[in-house]
PDB file of N, CA and C in Angstrom:
ATOM      1  N   MET A   1      98.267-155.129 -67.534  1.00  0.00           N
ATOM      2  CA  MET A   1      97.161-155.581 -66.685  1.00  0.00           C
ATOM      3  C   MET A   1      97.547-156.355 -65.268  1.00  0.00           C
ATOM      4  N   SER A   2      96.728-156.607 -64.718  1.00  0.00           N
ATOM      5  CA  SER A   2      96.854-156.915 -63.560  1.00  0.00           C
ATOM      6  C   SER A   2      97.373-158.357 -63.583  1.00  0.00           C
ATOM      7  N   ASP A   3      97.398-159.124 -62.374  1.00  0.00           N
ATOM      8  CA  ASP A   3      97.951-160.375 -62.177  1.00  0.00           C
ATOM      9  C   ASP A   3      97.423-161.835 -62.486  1.00  0.00           C
ATOM     10  N   LEU A   4      96.127-161.521 -63.202  1.00  0.00           N
ATOM     11  CA  LEU A   4      95.019-162.681 -63.627  1.00  0.00           C
ATOM     12  C   LEU A   4      96.250-163.234 -64.423  1.00  0.00           C
ATOM     13  N   GLU A   5      95.957-164.839 -64.589  1.00  0.00           N
ATOM     14  CA  GLU A   5      96.767-165.627 -65.085  1.00  0.00           C
ATOM     15  C   GLU A   5      95.907-166.081 -66.572  1.00  0.00           C
ATOM     16  N   ILE A   6      96.289-165.636 -67.341  1.00  0.00           N
ATOM     17  CA  ILE A   6      95.612-165.576 -68.868  1.00  0.00           C
ATOM     18  C   ILE A   6      95.972-166.825 -69.669  1.00  0.00           C
ATOM     19  N   THR A   7      94.716-167.729 -69.525  1.00  0.00           N
ATOM     20  CA  THR A   7      95.029-169.313 -69.939  1.00  0.00           C
ATOM     21  C   THR A   7      94.368-169.609 -71.461  1.00  0.00           C
ATOM     22  N   HIS A   8      93.893-168.788 -71.967  1.00  0.00           N
ATOM     23  CA  HIS A   8      93.166-168.559 -73.435  1.00  0.00           C
ATOM     24  C   HIS A   8      93.730-167.916 -74.387  1.00  0.00           C
ATOM     25  N   GLN A   9      93.988-168.473 -75.032  1.00  0.00           N
ATOM     26  CA  GLN A   9      94.415-167.847 -76.990  1.00  0.00           C
ATOM     27  C   GLN A   9      93.441-166.551 -76.784  1.00  0.00           C
ATOM     28  N   SER A  10      92.361-167.182 -77.120  1.00  0.00           N
ATOM     29  CA  SER A  10      91.280-165.714 -77.427  1.00  0.00           C
ATOM     30  C   SER A  10      91.374-164.437 -76.637  1.00  0.00           C
ATOM     31  N   VAL A  11      91.733-164.721 -75.494  1.00  0.00           N
ATOM     32  CA  VAL A  11      91.873-163.415 -74.220  1.00  0.00           C
ATOM     33  C   VAL A  11      92.926-163.102 -74.531  1.00  0.00           C
ATOM     34  N   ARG A  12      94.402-163.441 -75.065  1.00  0.00           N
ATOM     35  CA  ARG A  12      95.665-162.785 -75.190  1.00  0.00           C
ATOM     36  C   ARG A  12      95.563-162.349 -76.712  1.00  0.00           C
ATOM     37  N   ASP A  13      94.403-162.933 -77.869  1.00  0.00           N
ATOM     38  CA  ASP A  13      94.611-161.953 -78.702  1.00  0.00           C
ATOM     39  C   ASP A  13      93.304-160.724 -78.832  1.00  0.00           C
ATOM     40  N   TYR A  14      92.570-161.260 -77.860  1.00  0.00           N
ATOM     41  CA  TYR A  14      91.525-159.729 -77.656  1.00  0.00           C
ATOM     42  C   TYR A  14      92.155-158.629 -76.520  1.00  0.00           C
ATOM     43  N   ILE A  15      93.481-158.810 -75.929  1.00  0.00           N
ATOM     44  CA  ILE A  15      93.962-158.041 -75.495  1.00  0.00           C
ATOM     45  C   ILE A  15      94.731-157.251 -76.625  1.00  0.00           C
ATOM     46  N   ALA A  16      95.599-158.052 -77.616  1.00  0.00           N
ATOM     47  CA  ALA A  16      96.499-157.313 -78.637  1.00  0.00           C
ATOM     48  C   ALA A  16      95.935-156.503 -79.432  1.00  0.00           C
ATOM     49  N   ALA A  17      94.176-157.260 -79.932  1.00  0.00           N
ATOM     50  CA  ALA A  17      93.301-155.840 -80.502  1.00  0.00           C
ATOM     51  C   ALA A  17      93.276-155.229 -80.029  1.00  0.00           C
ATOM     52  N   LYS A  18      92.807-155.171 -78.511  1.00  0.00           N
ATOM     53  CA  LYS A  18      92.097-153.851 -77.600  1.00  0.00           C
ATOM     54  C   LYS A  18      93.520-152.841 -77.743  1.00  0.00           C
ATOM     55  N   LYS A  19      94.752-153.176 -77.329  1.00  0.00           N
ATOM     56  CA  LYS A  19      95.504-152.448 -77.642  1.00  0.00           C
ATOM     57  C   LYS A  19      95.748-151.673 -78.832  1.00  0.00           C
ATOM     58  N   ARG A  20      96.069-152.495 -79.752  1.00  0.00           N
ATOM     59  CA  ARG A  20      96.301-151.574 -80.999  1.00  0.00           C
ATOM     60  C   ARG A  20      94.891-150.886 -81.503  1.00  0.00           C
ATOM     61  N   GLY A  21      93.589-150.672 -80.855  1.00  0.00           N
ATOM     62  CA  GLY A  21      92.769-149.961 -80.986  1.00  0.00           C
ATOM     63  C   GLY A  21      91.828-150.780 -82.039  1.00  0.00           C
ATOM     64  N   ASP A  22      91.703-152.099 -82.441  1.00  0.00           N
ATOM     65  CA  ASP A  22      90.873-152.661 -83.042  1.00  0.00           C
ATOM     66  C   ASP A  22      89.622-153.369 -82.672  1.00  0.00           C
ATOM     67  N   GLU A  23      88.612-152.053 -82.777  1.00  0.00           N
ATOM     68  CA  GLU A  23      87.383-152.110 -82.031  1.00  0.00           C
ATOM     69  C   GLU A  23      86.519-153.628 -82.524  1.00  0.00           C
ATOM     70  N   LYS A  24      86.580-153.909 -84.299  1.00  0.00           N
ATOM     71  CA  LYS A  24      85.841-154.993 -84.564  1.00  0.00           C
ATOM     72  C   LYS A  24      86.747-156.421 -84.295  1.00  0.00           C
ATOM     73  N   ALA A  25      87.946-156.212 -84.060  1.00  0.00           N
ATOM     74  CA  ALA A  25      88.286-157.448 -83.637  1.00  0.00           C
ATOM     75  C   ALA A  25      87.812-157.889 -82.420  1.00  0.00           C
ATOM     76  N   THR A  26      88.063-157.135 -81.516  1.00  0.00           N
ATOM     77  CA  THR A  26      87.738-157.193 -80.113  1.00  0.00           C
ATOM     78  C   THR A  26      86.095-158.071 -79.936  1.00  0.00           C
ATOM     79  N   GLN A  27      85.213-157.282 -80.779  1.00  0.00           N
ATOM     80  CA  GLN A  27      83.834-157.500 -80.865  1.00  0.00           C
ATOM     81  C   GLN A  27      83.692-159.130 -81.422  1.00  0.00           C
ATOM     82  N   ARG A  28      84.123-159.008 -82.328  1.00  0.00           N
ATOM     83  CA  ARG A  28      84.305-160.792 -83.155  1.00  0.00           C
ATOM     84  C   ARG A  28      84.578-161.730 -81.988  1.00  0.00           C
ATOM     85  N   ILE A  29      85.974-161.523 -81.048  1.00  0.00           N
ATOM     86  CA  ILE A  29      86.389-162.146 -80.067  1.00  0.00           C
ATOM     87  C   ILE A  29      85.569-162.326 -79.218  1.00  0.00           C
ATOM     88  N   ILE A  30      84.752-161.375 -78.459  1.00  0.00           N
ATOM     89  CA  ILE A  30      84.035-161.676 -77.868  1.00  0.00           C
ATOM     90  C   ILE A  30      82.917-162.603 -78.116  1.00  0.00           C
ATOM     91  N   ASP A  31      82.094-162.092 -79.430  1.00  0.00           N
ATOM     92  CA  ASP A  31      80.803-162.533 -79.887  1.00  0.00           C
ATOM     93  C   ASP A  31      81.348-164.400 -80.275  1.00  0.00           C
ATOM     94  N   GLU A  32      82.551-164.776 -80.406  1.00  0.00           N
ATOM     95  CA  GLU A  32      82.975-166.135 -80.584  1.00  0.00           C
ATOM     96  C   GLU A  32      82.863-166.557 -78.960  1.00  0.00           C
ATOM     97  N   ALA A  33      83.446-165.996 -78.166  1.00  0.00           N
ATOM     98  CA  ALA A  33      83.683-166.546 -76.772  1.00  0.00           C
ATOM     99  C   ALA A  33      82.168-167.042 -76.299  1.00  0.00           C
ATOM    100  N   LYS A  34      81.263-166.068 -76.380  1.00  0.00           N
ATOM    101  CA  LYS A  34      79.801-165.837 -76.209  1.00  0.00           C
ATOM    102  C   LYS A  34      79.248-166.637 -76.559  1.00  0.00           C
ATOM    103  N   ALA A  35      79.051-167.213 -78.131  1.00  0.00           N
ATOM    104  CA  ALA A  35      78.815-168.428 -78.705  1.00  0.00           C
ATOM    105  C   ALA A  35      79.349-169.908 -77.795  1.00  0.00           C
ATOM    106  N   ARG A  36      80.782-170.147 -77.712  1.00  0.00           N
ATOM    107  CA  ARG A  36      81.287-171.357 -77.082  1.00  0.00           C
ATOM    108  C   ARG A  36      80.396-171.399 -75.942  1.00  0.00           C
ATOM    109  N   PHE A  37      80.578-170.141 -74.828  1.00  0.00           N
ATOM    110  CA  PHE A  37      79.961-170.290 -73.810  1.00  0.00           C
ATOM    111  C   PHE A  37      78.558-170.918 -73.610  1.00  0.00           C
ATOM    112  N   ALA A  38      77.723-170.224 -74.888  1.00  0.00           N
ATOM    113  CA  ALA A  38      76.390-170.524 -74.751  1.00  0.00           C
ATOM    114  C   ALA A  38      75.604-171.970 -75.309  1.00  0.00           C
ATOM    115  N   THR A  39      76.828-172.692 -75.967  1.00  0.00           N
ATOM    116  CA  THR A  39      76.741-174.011 -76.068  1.00  0.00           C
ATOM    117  C   THR A  39      77.442-175.103 -75.511  1.00  0.00           C
ATOM    118  N   ARG A  40      78.286-174.404 -74.376  1.00  0.00           N
ATOM    119  CA  ARG A  40      78.776-175.007 -73.372  1.00  0.00           C
ATOM    120  C   ARG A  40      79.890-176.001 -73.952  1.00  0.00           C
ATOM    121  N   LYS A  41      80.896-175.406 -74.796  1.00  0.00           N
ATOM    122  CA  LYS A  41      81.791-175.755 -75.511  1.00  0.00           C
ATOM    123  C   LYS A  41      83.267-175.308 -74.860  1.00  0.00           C
ATOM    124  N   THR A  42      82.760-174.737 -73.926  1.00  0.00           N
ATOM    125  CA  THR A  42      83.726-173.753 -73.079  1.00  0.00           C
ATOM    126  C   THR A  42      83.389-173.828 -71.733  1.00  0.00           C
ATOM    127  N   ASP A  43      84.028-173.485 -70.374  1.00  0.00           N
ATOM    128  CA  ASP A  43      83.764-173.565 -69.268  1.00  0.00           C
ATOM    129  C   ASP A  43      83.526-171.597 -68.617  1.00  0.00           C
ATOM    130  N   GLY A  44      83.366-171.447 -67.864  1.00  0.00           N
ATOM    131  CA  GLY A  44      83.379-169.984 -67.350  1.00  0.00           C
ATOM    132  C   GLY A  44      84.574-168.897 -67.351  1.00  0.00           C
ATOM    133  N   SER A  45      85.592-169.544 -67.329  1.00  0.00           N
ATOM    134  CA  SER A  45      86.954-169.082 -67.005  1.00  0.00           C
ATOM    135  C   SER A  45      87.591-168.394 -68.490  1.00  0.00           C
ATOM    136  N   GLU A  46      87.205-168.654 -69.749  1.00  0.00           N
ATOM    137  CA  GLU A  46      87.142-167.581 -70.993  1.00  0.00           C
ATOM    138  C   GLU A  46      86.494-166.403 -70.736  1.00  0.00           C
ATOM    139  N   MET A  47      85.110-166.220 -70.350  1.00  0.00           N
ATOM    140  CA  MET A  47      84.571-165.397 -70.186  1.00  0.00           C
ATOM    141  C   MET A  47      85.039-164.307 -69.258  1.00  0.00           C
ATOM    142  N   ALA A  48      85.334-165.138 -68.143  1.00  0.00           N
ATOM    143  CA  ALA A  48      85.788-164.713 -66.673  1.00  0.00           C
ATOM    144  C   ALA A  48      87.314-163.429 -67.557  1.00  0.00           C
ATOM    145  N   GLN A  49      87.878-164.224 -67.581  1.00  0.00           N
ATOM    146  CA  GLN A  49      89.435-163.517 -68.145  1.00  0.00           C
ATOM    147  C   GLN A  49      89.107-162.287 -69.709  1.00  0.00           C
ATOM    148  N   LEU A  50      88.229-162.491 -70.255  1.00  0.00           N
ATOM    149  CA  LEU A  50      87.461-161.633 -71.150  1.00  0.00           C
ATOM    150  C   LEU A  50      86.960-160.334 -70.657  1.00  0.00           C
ATOM    151  N   ILE A  51      86.614-160.682 -69.315  1.00  0.00           N
ATOM    152  CA  ILE A  51      85.838-159.108 -68.952  1.00  0.00           C
ATOM    153  C   ILE A  51      86.784-158.738 -67.784  1.00  0.00           C
ATOM    154  N   HIS A  52      87.641-159.587 -67.433  1.00  0.00           N
ATOM    155  CA  HIS A  52      88.825-158.834 -66.585  1.00  0.00           C
ATOM    156  C   HIS A  52      89.459-157.950 -67.735  1.00  0.00           C
ATOM    157  N   ALA A  53      90.076-158.405 -69.001  1.00  0.00           N
ATOM    158  CA  ALA A  53      90.652-157.807 -69.397  1.00  0.00           C
ATOM    159  C   ALA A  53      89.864-156.397 -70.184  1.00  0.00           C
ATOM    160  N   SER A  54      88.561-156.522 -70.475  1.00  0.00           N
ATOM    161  CA  SER A  54      87.807-155.453 -70.961  1.00  0.00           C
ATOM    162  C   SER A  54      88.146-154.345 -69.813  1.00  0.00           C
ATOM    163  N   MET A  55      88.167-154.477 -68.702  1.00  0.00           N
ATOM    164  CA  MET A  55      87.748-153.606 -67.561  1.00  0.00           C
ATOM    165  C   MET A  55      89.574-153.295 -67.693  1.00  0.00           C
ATOM    166  N   HIS A  56      90.624-154.274 -67.796  1.00  0.00           N
ATOM    167  CA  HIS A  56      91.962-153.259 -67.224  1.00  0.00           C
ATOM    168  C   HIS A  56      92.882-152.830 -68.818  1.00  0.00           C
ATOM    169  N   VAL A  57      92.063-153.188 -69.498  1.00  0.00           N
ATOM    170  CA  VAL A  57      93.042-152.954 -70.986  1.00  0.00           C
ATOM    171  C   VAL A  57      92.447-151.675 -71.260  1.00  0.00           C
ATOM    172  N   ARG A  58      93.151-150.756 -72.021  1.00  0.00           N
ATOM    173  CA  ARG A  58      92.278-149.657 -72.620  1.00  0.00           C
ATOM    174  C   ARG A  58      92.483-149.803 -74.221  1.00  0.00           C
ATOM    175  N   LEU A  59      91.600-149.526 -74.430  1.00  0.00           N
ATOM    176  CA  LEU A  59      91.164-149.245 -76.212  1.00  0.00           C
ATOM    177  C   LEU A  59      92.737-148.443 -76.448  1.00  0.00           C
ATOM    178  N   GLY A  60      93.318-148.860 -77.542  1.00  0.00           N
ATOM    179  CA  GLY A  60      94.628-148.112 -78.441  1.00  0.00           C
ATOM    180  C   GLY A  60      95.806-148.144 -77.130  1.00  0.00           C
ATOM    181  N   GLU A  61      95.662-148.300 -76.652  1.00  0.00           N
ATOM    182  CA  GLU A  61      96.818-148.021 -75.429  1.00  0.00           C
ATOM    183  C   GLU A  61      98.626-148.292 -75.758  1.00  0.00           C
ATOM    184  N   GLY A  62      98.297-148.940 -76.968  1.00  0.00           N
ATOM    185  CA  GLY A  62      99.569-149.753 -77.229  1.00  0.00           C
ATOM    186  C   GLY A  62      99.892-151.121 -76.674  1.00  0.00           C
ATOM    187  N   GLU A  63     101.170-151.159 -77.040  1.00  0.00           N
ATOM    188  CA  GLU A  63     101.795-152.558 -76.662  1.00  0.00           C
ATOM    189  C   GLU A  63     102.911-152.110 -75.277  1.00  0.00           C
TER     190      GLU A  63
END
């Protein structure tokens, strides 16, 4: 991925799931982050990092 600093465990989990091709897990992680953001339990940095990861990590690309 690019030089974005990953500061959220959910983003690290998302990247790992996406690399192994686990679409169900990636969607669950996104849904959970969206729910946290909607209830203001997180700032926008988690979502920004997830969006960045979704654009730079290919599904099933491996570790």
